[in-house]
Amino acid sequence: MNDPQHTTRETEAVVPARTPQEVADDVVARVLARAGTAVHDGATVHSSYDGDQLDLEERTSLRRVAGLSTELEDVTEVEYRQLRLEKVVLVGLFGQGSAEDAEISLRELAALAETAGSEVLDGLLQKRRTPDPGTYLGSGKAAELAQLVASAGADTVVVDGELAPSQRRALEDIVRVKVVDRTALILDIFAQHAKSREGKAQVELAQLEYLLPRLRGWGESMSRQAGGQVGGAGAGMGSRGPGETKIELDRRRIRNRMAKLRREIAAMEPARLTKRASRKKHAIPSVAIAGYTNAGKSSLLNRLTNAGVLVENALFATLDPTVRRAETTDGRVYTLADTVGFVRALPHQLVEAFRSTLEEVADADLILHVVDASHPDPEGQIAAVRHVFADIPGAMDVPEIIVLNKADMASAEAIARLRSREVHSVVVSAHTGEGIEELQALVADQLPRPGVAVDVVVPYHRGDLVSRVHEHGDIESEEHVAHGTALRARVDAGLAAELEAAAQPRA
């Protein structure tokens, strides 16, 4: 007798299990189906709080674009940059984690490549427990990659991991095109987006630290010694002899440049410390906006302060910190600082180079940790940000509010899951304004309040003191009497001393 359920069970039993390679191919296919979505004209939707976005036109004009003729005889520097659109093939490994983790990581690598101005042509994902010490992939898979690169017409391979110098050289020898790892890709984006003098110096220092152990000689040019009459041309006595090889000379130049950059960055620190000390002197509380890249930190800053800073649907759109004045719902003044975004496996060179900037987080009175609630793996992003916090002395001790942003795009299940994990959280949408009032109330509640109680009569000619109490203190009562303004309030110690010195006796 035919049993339909029995037949169904038999049918299910004969379905063959998918091989690791089939799983990897499916992951690559899904990532490639989304190619081009990380940076796309019209993908960035601005609100009225974002201002004129004047920086966005400048940023877009420098992006490499496809479809331009290469037969131009006279091109500007910008046009030349646009002609150099790199065509890349992505490479990833997954061994310890799941295929879903591998897909999230590879999708982020594709977004990084597109943010850097490249076009993703193809990808290769290998299930392997540990990277091959020689070529990262192993000889067979590296040969397959070489064929894929040749057939796709790519000029760059981007590896989702950090390559040792020897691995990069061995892989380049096989695929015969430029090979870069995740760290080099992030450094390239930082180099494109840095605008301030300090930001540019920090990025260059990080790039040189990364480059120094990875210098490579092509042919004999790097091994040729520059001594004798050739190396000493114009230098005279004392410059002749065996000399340095070309690669040794480049290393020395890089070390000298790094030393100069470190001195420049150290020289810029007093100005930043002076600004920070001024805020502390006037007891102005500070709030730092931190979080994963592209979580919506700049959009939130614009929504809270009308700052009009650059907002772009791209990774690492913000590098230079922006500090703006804001007010709590009860009228107290505080500063709001937008900081550089973090990412999984943030290169340690960048953490070191940007340490002075990241100190804004450690010196804050409150951290707004912005999370993209619509991302496939928001928990992973939270963990990555806290991992960077752990490298910044004092950052883990600062009170933190988890701001679940992009609520208009996130699923109700994801938001409920995150709120159950993160007790101190608030759900907002910087684009639509949902939850902003609740966030402002939470910020006002969490900011430190002045600790000294005063009961004084401030003479009318010292209205500046009354104004400062309104800005930085908590006023319990205010009354205009014959000799001045009678105030009962809580203020910081410095302002309390000034009020007591200027106070009139009560009638």
Foldseek 3Di string as FASTA:
>chain_A
DDDPVVVVVVVVVPPDDDDPQVLQVVLFVVLLVCFPVLADVPNDDAAVLLPPQPVVVVLVLQAADPDDDPPDPDDDPSVVSNVPAFEEEEEEEAEPDDSVVVSLLSSVVSQLSVLLRHGYQGYGYYYDNFADLQQRPDDVVLLVVLVVCVVSVGQEYEYADDHDLRNQVRSCVRNVHHYYYPQVSVLSSQCSQDDDPLSNLLSLLLVLVVCLNNDDDDDCQQVQFCADCRNCPVPDPPRHDRHHGNSVVVNVVSVVSNVVSVVVNVVVLVVVVVVVVVCVVLPAAEEEEAFAFQLCSVLLVSLQASPSDNDRSGGFNDADKDKDWGAFPQQAIHIYIYHTHFDACNPVSSLVSCLSVCVSLQPHQEYEYRFALARPCRVVRVVRRVVSLVVRPNNVVHHYEYEHEPPVRHDPVSVVVVCVVPVRYFYAYSRPGPGVNVVSNVVVVRTDAADAWDWFFAAAVVVVLVVSCSHHWAWPDWDADDGHITTTIGHHPVSRVVRVVRGDDDD
